[in-house]
């Protein structure tokens, strides 16, 4: 099972800093982020990190097609840790429900949500 952490809300900079602080240095990490990179891109330069960006427009609400394609590509690479960040915090429960259903329920271990400005466990 791949540990997956969800986060939403805050600005792009806050989301990226929260993920950067939670990255596991010796693990292969993967990130799917909605929207453009933050001005200071806290994720740039991290080793063992794959970052995929999805155009703004909630990926959990628009049929999930774009999210599914990128998620499936990343899951084939078998990262140790996956982070998925969306712009709107109120969309995280829908994203969690989507990832808790087949086929992802057998691949992902969803962890506690990460709040921008905090650190995941």
N, C-alpha and C. Protein backbone atom coordinates (compact mmCIF):
# COMPACT_ATOMS: atom_id res chain seq x y z
N UNK A 1 0.84 -1.20 0.00
CA UNK A 1 0.00 0.00 0.00
C UNK A 1 0.88 1.24 0.00
N UNK A 2 0.43 2.22 -0.75
CA UNK A 2 1.14 3.49 -0.84
C UNK A 2 0.46 4.47 0.11
N UNK A 3 1.24 5.06 1.00
CA UNK A 3 0.67 6.05 1.93
C UNK A 3 0.36 7.32 1.15
N UNK A 4 -0.89 7.77 1.26
CA UNK A 4 -1.34 8.96 0.53
C UNK A 4 -1.89 9.99 1.51
N UNK A 5 -1.46 11.22 1.33
CA UNK A 5 -1.88 12.32 2.18
C UNK A 5 -2.54 13.38 1.32
N UNK A 6 -3.69 13.87 1.76
CA UNK A 6 -4.45 14.88 1.02
C UNK A 6 -4.35 16.22 1.73
N UNK A 7 -4.38 17.28 0.94
CA UNK A 7 -4.45 18.60 1.53
C UNK A 7 -5.16 19.55 0.59
N UNK A 8 -5.76 20.57 1.17
CA UNK A 8 -6.48 21.56 0.38
C UNK A 8 -6.58 22.85 1.15
N UNK A 9 -6.83 23.91 0.41
CA UNK A 9 -6.96 25.21 1.02
C UNK A 9 -5.64 25.95 1.10
N UNK A 10 -5.68 27.13 1.62
CA UNK A 10 -4.49 27.97 1.67
C UNK A 10 -4.09 28.38 0.27
N UNK A 11 -3.00 29.08 0.15
CA UNK A 11 -2.53 29.44 -1.18
C UNK A 11 -1.51 28.40 -1.65
N UNK A 12 -1.09 28.50 -2.89
CA UNK A 12 -0.16 27.53 -3.47
C UNK A 12 1.13 27.44 -2.66
N UNK A 13 1.61 28.58 -2.20
CA UNK A 13 2.84 28.60 -1.42
C UNK A 13 2.69 27.81 -0.12
N UNK A 14 1.58 28.00 0.57
CA UNK A 14 1.34 27.28 1.83
C UNK A 14 1.21 25.79 1.59
N UNK A 15 0.50 25.39 0.53
CA UNK A 15 0.35 23.96 0.23
C UNK A 15 1.71 23.34 -0.09
N UNK A 16 2.51 24.01 -0.90
CA UNK A 16 3.81 23.45 -1.27
C UNK A 16 4.76 23.38 -0.09
N UNK A 17 4.74 24.38 0.78
CA UNK A 17 5.60 24.33 1.97
C UNK A 17 5.16 23.21 2.92
N UNK A 18 3.85 23.00 3.05
CA UNK A 18 3.36 21.91 3.91
C UNK A 18 3.82 20.56 3.38
N UNK A 19 3.76 20.38 2.07
CA UNK A 19 4.21 19.12 1.47
C UNK A 19 5.72 18.99 1.62
N UNK A 20 6.46 20.04 1.32
CA UNK A 20 7.93 20.00 1.42
C UNK A 20 8.37 19.61 2.83
N UNK A 21 7.67 20.12 3.84
CA UNK A 21 8.03 19.80 5.23
C UNK A 21 7.71 18.35 5.58
N UNK A 22 6.77 17.73 4.85
CA UNK A 22 6.36 16.36 5.17
C UNK A 22 7.04 15.30 4.29
N UNK A 23 7.83 15.72 3.32
CA UNK A 23 8.51 14.75 2.46
C UNK A 23 9.42 13.85 3.27
N UNK A 24 9.44 12.61 2.91
CA UNK A 24 10.32 11.64 3.57
C UNK A 24 11.60 11.57 2.75
N UNK A 25 12.73 12.01 3.31
CA UNK A 25 13.97 12.19 2.54
C UNK A 25 14.52 10.93 1.88
N UNK A 26 14.30 9.76 2.46
CA UNK A 26 14.87 8.54 1.88
C UNK A 26 13.83 7.72 1.14
N UNK A 27 12.65 8.27 0.96
CA UNK A 27 11.56 7.58 0.27
C UNK A 27 11.33 8.22 -1.10
N UNK A 28 10.75 7.45 -2.00
CA UNK A 28 10.34 8.02 -3.28
C UNK A 28 9.00 8.69 -3.06
N UNK A 29 8.94 10.00 -3.22
CA UNK A 29 7.74 10.78 -3.00
C UNK A 29 7.14 11.20 -4.34
N UNK A 30 5.82 11.30 -4.38
CA UNK A 30 5.12 11.79 -5.57
C UNK A 30 4.07 12.79 -5.11
N UNK A 31 3.85 13.81 -5.94
CA UNK A 31 2.91 14.88 -5.61
C UNK A 31 2.05 15.18 -6.82
N UNK A 32 0.75 15.29 -6.59
CA UNK A 32 -0.18 15.80 -7.59
C UNK A 32 -0.75 17.08 -7.02
N UNK A 33 -0.57 18.18 -7.73
CA UNK A 33 -1.05 19.48 -7.26
C UNK A 33 -1.96 20.13 -8.29
N UNK A 34 -3.03 20.71 -7.81
CA UNK A 34 -3.91 21.48 -8.66
C UNK A 34 -3.37 22.91 -8.74
N UNK A 35 -3.25 23.43 -9.94
CA UNK A 35 -2.86 24.82 -10.12
C UNK A 35 -1.40 25.01 -10.44
N UNK A 36 -1.05 26.25 -10.63
CA UNK A 36 0.31 26.64 -10.99
C UNK A 36 1.23 26.60 -9.78
N UNK A 37 2.53 26.50 -10.00
CA UNK A 37 3.46 26.48 -8.86
C UNK A 37 3.44 27.81 -8.12
N UNK A 38 3.77 27.74 -6.85
CA UNK A 38 3.88 28.94 -6.03
C UNK A 38 5.05 29.77 -6.54
N UNK A 39 5.07 31.01 -6.19
CA UNK A 39 6.12 31.93 -6.63
C UNK A 39 7.49 31.42 -6.20
N UNK A 40 7.61 30.86 -5.01
CA UNK A 40 8.90 30.41 -4.50
C UNK A 40 9.08 28.90 -4.58
N UNK A 41 8.13 28.16 -5.12
CA UNK A 41 8.17 26.71 -5.36
C UNK A 41 9.04 25.94 -4.37
N UNK A 42 8.48 25.67 -3.22
CA UNK A 42 9.19 24.97 -2.14
C UNK A 42 9.55 23.54 -2.51
N UNK A 43 8.96 23.01 -3.57
CA UNK A 43 9.23 21.62 -3.97
C UNK A 43 10.39 21.49 -4.94
N UNK A 44 10.83 22.59 -5.49
CA UNK A 44 11.93 22.54 -6.48
C UNK A 44 13.21 22.04 -5.82
N UNK A 45 13.91 21.18 -6.52
CA UNK A 45 15.22 20.74 -6.06
C UNK A 45 15.22 19.58 -5.09
N UNK A 46 14.06 19.05 -4.73
CA UNK A 46 14.02 17.90 -3.83
C UNK A 46 14.33 16.63 -4.61
N UNK A 47 15.25 15.85 -4.11
CA UNK A 47 15.58 14.57 -4.74
C UNK A 47 14.45 13.58 -4.47
N UNK A 48 14.34 12.59 -5.29
CA UNK A 48 13.36 11.51 -5.13
C UNK A 48 11.94 12.05 -5.04
N UNK A 49 11.62 12.98 -5.94
CA UNK A 49 10.30 13.60 -5.93
C UNK A 49 9.80 13.76 -7.36
N UNK A 50 8.61 13.23 -7.62
CA UNK A 50 7.91 13.44 -8.89
C UNK A 50 6.75 14.37 -8.62
N UNK A 51 6.68 15.47 -9.37
CA UNK A 51 5.59 16.43 -9.19
C UNK A 51 4.79 16.52 -10.48
N UNK A 52 3.48 16.37 -10.35
CA UNK A 52 2.55 16.51 -11.47
C UNK A 52 1.61 17.65 -11.13
N UNK A 53 1.42 18.55 -12.07
CA UNK A 53 0.50 19.67 -11.86
C UNK A 53 -0.69 19.52 -12.78
N UNK A 54 -1.87 19.74 -12.20
CA UNK A 54 -3.13 19.67 -12.93
C UNK A 54 -3.68 21.09 -13.00
N UNK A 55 -4.22 21.46 -14.16
CA UNK A 55 -4.77 22.80 -14.33
C UNK A 55 -5.85 23.07 -13.28
N UNK A 56 -5.95 24.31 -12.88
CA UNK A 56 -6.96 24.72 -11.89
C UNK A 56 -8.35 24.37 -12.40
N UNK A 57 -9.19 23.95 -11.49
CA UNK A 57 -10.54 23.49 -11.80
C UNK A 57 -10.66 22.14 -11.15
N UNK A 58 -11.16 22.07 -10.00
CA UNK A 58 -11.08 20.93 -9.09
C UNK A 58 -11.05 19.57 -9.78
N UNK A 59 -9.93 18.86 -9.65
CA UNK A 59 -9.79 17.56 -10.30
C UNK A 59 -10.73 16.49 -9.75
N UNK A 60 -11.27 16.67 -8.54
CA UNK A 60 -12.19 15.66 -8.01
C UNK A 60 -13.62 15.90 -8.48
N UNK A 61 -13.89 17.05 -9.10
CA UNK A 61 -15.25 17.37 -9.50
C UNK A 61 -15.49 17.26 -11.01
N UNK A 62 -14.46 17.26 -11.80
CA UNK A 62 -14.61 17.31 -13.25
C UNK A 62 -14.48 15.94 -13.89
N UNK A 63 -15.21 14.98 -13.36
CA UNK A 63 -15.21 13.64 -13.92
C UNK A 63 -14.00 12.82 -13.54
N UNK A 64 -13.06 13.39 -12.85
CA UNK A 64 -11.87 12.69 -12.37
C UNK A 64 -10.95 12.19 -13.48
N UNK A 65 -11.23 12.47 -14.74
CA UNK A 65 -10.44 11.91 -15.84
C UNK A 65 -8.98 12.33 -15.75
N UNK A 66 -8.72 13.61 -15.64
CA UNK A 66 -7.34 14.08 -15.60
C UNK A 66 -6.64 13.56 -14.34
N UNK A 67 -7.32 13.61 -13.23
CA UNK A 67 -6.75 13.09 -11.98
C UNK A 67 -6.46 11.60 -12.11
N UNK A 68 -7.39 10.84 -12.65
CA UNK A 68 -7.18 9.39 -12.82
C UNK A 68 -5.96 9.09 -13.68
N UNK A 69 -5.82 9.78 -14.80
CA UNK A 69 -4.69 9.54 -15.70
C UNK A 69 -3.37 9.77 -14.98
N UNK A 70 -3.23 10.92 -14.33
CA UNK A 70 -1.97 11.23 -13.64
C UNK A 70 -1.75 10.32 -12.44
N UNK A 71 -2.80 10.05 -11.71
CA UNK A 71 -2.69 9.17 -10.54
C UNK A 71 -2.26 7.76 -10.97
N UNK A 72 -2.89 7.24 -12.01
CA UNK A 72 -2.53 5.90 -12.47
C UNK A 72 -1.09 5.84 -12.96
N UNK A 73 -0.62 6.87 -13.63
CA UNK A 73 0.78 6.91 -14.08
C UNK A 73 1.73 6.90 -12.89
N UNK A 74 1.42 7.71 -11.89
CA UNK A 74 2.29 7.74 -10.71
C UNK A 74 2.25 6.43 -9.93
N UNK A 75 1.08 5.83 -9.83
CA UNK A 75 0.96 4.59 -9.07
C UNK A 75 1.73 3.45 -9.73
N UNK A 76 1.85 3.46 -11.04
CA UNK A 76 2.65 2.44 -11.73
C UNK A 76 4.12 2.54 -11.36
N UNK A 77 4.56 3.72 -10.93
CA UNK A 77 5.95 3.92 -10.51
C UNK A 77 6.18 3.47 -9.07
N UNK A 78 5.10 3.13 -8.36
CA UNK A 78 5.15 2.64 -6.98
C UNK A 78 5.92 3.57 -6.02
N UNK A 79 5.50 4.82 -5.89
CA UNK A 79 6.16 5.69 -4.91
C UNK A 79 5.88 5.18 -3.50
N UNK A 80 6.75 5.54 -2.58
CA UNK A 80 6.53 5.19 -1.18
C UNK A 80 5.46 6.06 -0.56
N UNK A 81 5.39 7.30 -1.03
CA UNK A 81 4.52 8.30 -0.42
C UNK A 81 3.92 9.16 -1.51
N UNK A 82 2.63 9.48 -1.40
CA UNK A 82 1.92 10.30 -2.38
C UNK A 82 1.21 11.43 -1.65
N UNK A 83 1.32 12.62 -2.19
CA UNK A 83 0.60 13.78 -1.68
C UNK A 83 -0.29 14.29 -2.81
N UNK A 84 -1.53 14.63 -2.49
CA UNK A 84 -2.44 15.22 -3.47
C UNK A 84 -3.00 16.50 -2.88
N UNK A 85 -2.75 17.61 -3.55
CA UNK A 85 -3.20 18.91 -3.06
C UNK A 85 -4.17 19.58 -4.02
N UNK A 86 -5.29 20.04 -3.47
CA UNK A 86 -6.28 20.78 -4.24
C UNK A 86 -6.43 22.16 -3.63
N UNK A 87 -6.93 23.08 -4.43
CA UNK A 87 -7.04 24.47 -3.98
C UNK A 87 -8.08 24.65 -2.88
N UNK A 88 -9.23 23.98 -3.00
CA UNK A 88 -10.34 24.20 -2.07
C UNK A 88 -10.37 23.13 -0.98
N UNK A 89 -10.24 23.54 0.26
CA UNK A 89 -10.25 22.60 1.39
C UNK A 89 -11.56 21.83 1.47
N UNK A 90 -12.66 22.45 1.06
CA UNK A 90 -13.95 21.76 1.17
C UNK A 90 -14.11 20.65 0.13
N UNK A 91 -13.15 20.49 -0.77
CA UNK A 91 -13.19 19.40 -1.75
C UNK A 91 -12.39 18.18 -1.29
N UNK A 92 -11.65 18.31 -0.21
CA UNK A 92 -10.84 17.19 0.29
C UNK A 92 -11.72 15.99 0.66
N UNK A 93 -12.88 16.16 1.32
CA UNK A 93 -13.70 14.98 1.62
C UNK A 93 -14.15 14.22 0.36
N UNK A 94 -14.49 14.94 -0.72
CA UNK A 94 -14.88 14.28 -1.98
C UNK A 94 -13.69 13.53 -2.57
N UNK A 95 -12.52 14.11 -2.49
CA UNK A 95 -11.31 13.47 -2.98
C UNK A 95 -11.01 12.22 -2.15
N UNK A 96 -11.17 12.31 -0.85
CA UNK A 96 -10.97 11.16 0.04
C UNK A 96 -11.95 10.04 -0.32
N UNK A 97 -13.21 10.37 -0.56
CA UNK A 97 -14.21 9.37 -0.92
C UNK A 97 -13.85 8.70 -2.25
N UNK A 98 -13.41 9.47 -3.22
CA UNK A 98 -12.99 8.95 -4.52
C UNK A 98 -11.83 7.97 -4.35
N UNK A 99 -10.85 8.33 -3.54
CA UNK A 99 -9.66 7.48 -3.36
C UNK A 99 -9.93 6.29 -2.44
N UNK A 100 -11.05 6.32 -1.73
CA UNK A 100 -11.41 5.22 -0.84
C UNK A 100 -12.26 4.17 -1.54
N UNK A 101 -12.52 4.40 -2.84
CA UNK A 101 -13.34 3.45 -3.59
C UNK A 101 -12.45 2.71 -4.60
N UNK A 102 -12.95 1.57 -5.12
CA UNK A 102 -12.15 0.79 -6.07
C UNK A 102 -11.79 1.62 -7.31
N UNK A 103 -10.63 1.42 -7.86
CA UNK A 103 -9.60 0.46 -7.50
C UNK A 103 -8.59 1.00 -6.48
N UNK A 104 -8.73 2.28 -6.12
CA UNK A 104 -7.70 2.92 -5.30
C UNK A 104 -7.71 2.45 -3.85
N UNK A 105 -8.84 1.97 -3.37
CA UNK A 105 -8.90 1.51 -1.98
C UNK A 105 -7.95 0.35 -1.72
N UNK A 106 -7.60 -0.41 -2.74
CA UNK A 106 -6.67 -1.52 -2.58
C UNK A 106 -5.22 -1.14 -2.81
N UNK A 107 -4.98 0.11 -3.19
CA UNK A 107 -3.62 0.57 -3.48
C UNK A 107 -3.11 1.62 -2.52
N UNK A 108 -4.05 2.40 -1.96
CA UNK A 108 -3.66 3.55 -1.15
C UNK A 108 -4.07 3.38 0.31
N UNK A 109 -3.18 3.78 1.18
CA UNK A 109 -3.48 3.89 2.61
C UNK A 109 -3.58 5.39 2.89
N UNK A 110 -4.80 5.88 3.05
CA UNK A 110 -4.99 7.31 3.26
C UNK A 110 -4.62 7.68 4.68
N UNK A 111 -3.77 8.67 4.82
CA UNK A 111 -3.32 9.14 6.12
C UNK A 111 -4.17 10.34 6.54
N UNK A 112 -3.85 10.88 7.68
CA UNK A 112 -4.52 12.09 8.15
C UNK A 112 -4.25 13.22 7.16
N UNK A 113 -5.27 14.04 6.89
CA UNK A 113 -5.10 15.16 5.97
C UNK A 113 -4.03 16.12 6.50
N UNK A 114 -3.36 16.74 5.58
CA UNK A 114 -2.32 17.71 5.91
C UNK A 114 -2.91 19.10 5.71
N UNK A 115 -2.77 19.94 6.71
CA UNK A 115 -3.27 21.31 6.60
C UNK A 115 -2.12 22.21 6.20
N UNK A 116 -2.34 23.10 5.23
CA UNK A 116 -1.26 24.04 4.89
C UNK A 116 -0.74 24.73 6.15
N UNK A 117 0.57 24.73 6.29
CA UNK A 117 1.19 25.33 7.46
C UNK A 117 1.47 24.33 8.57
N UNK A 118 1.15 23.03 8.32
CA UNK A 118 1.43 22.01 9.33
C UNK A 118 2.30 20.92 8.74
N UNK A 119 2.63 19.93 9.56
CA UNK A 119 3.47 18.81 9.11
C UNK A 119 2.71 17.51 9.28
N UNK A 120 2.73 16.65 8.25
CA UNK A 120 2.06 15.35 8.30
C UNK A 120 2.87 14.37 9.12
N UNK A 121 2.22 13.36 9.63
CA UNK A 121 2.92 12.28 10.35
C UNK A 121 2.97 11.05 9.52
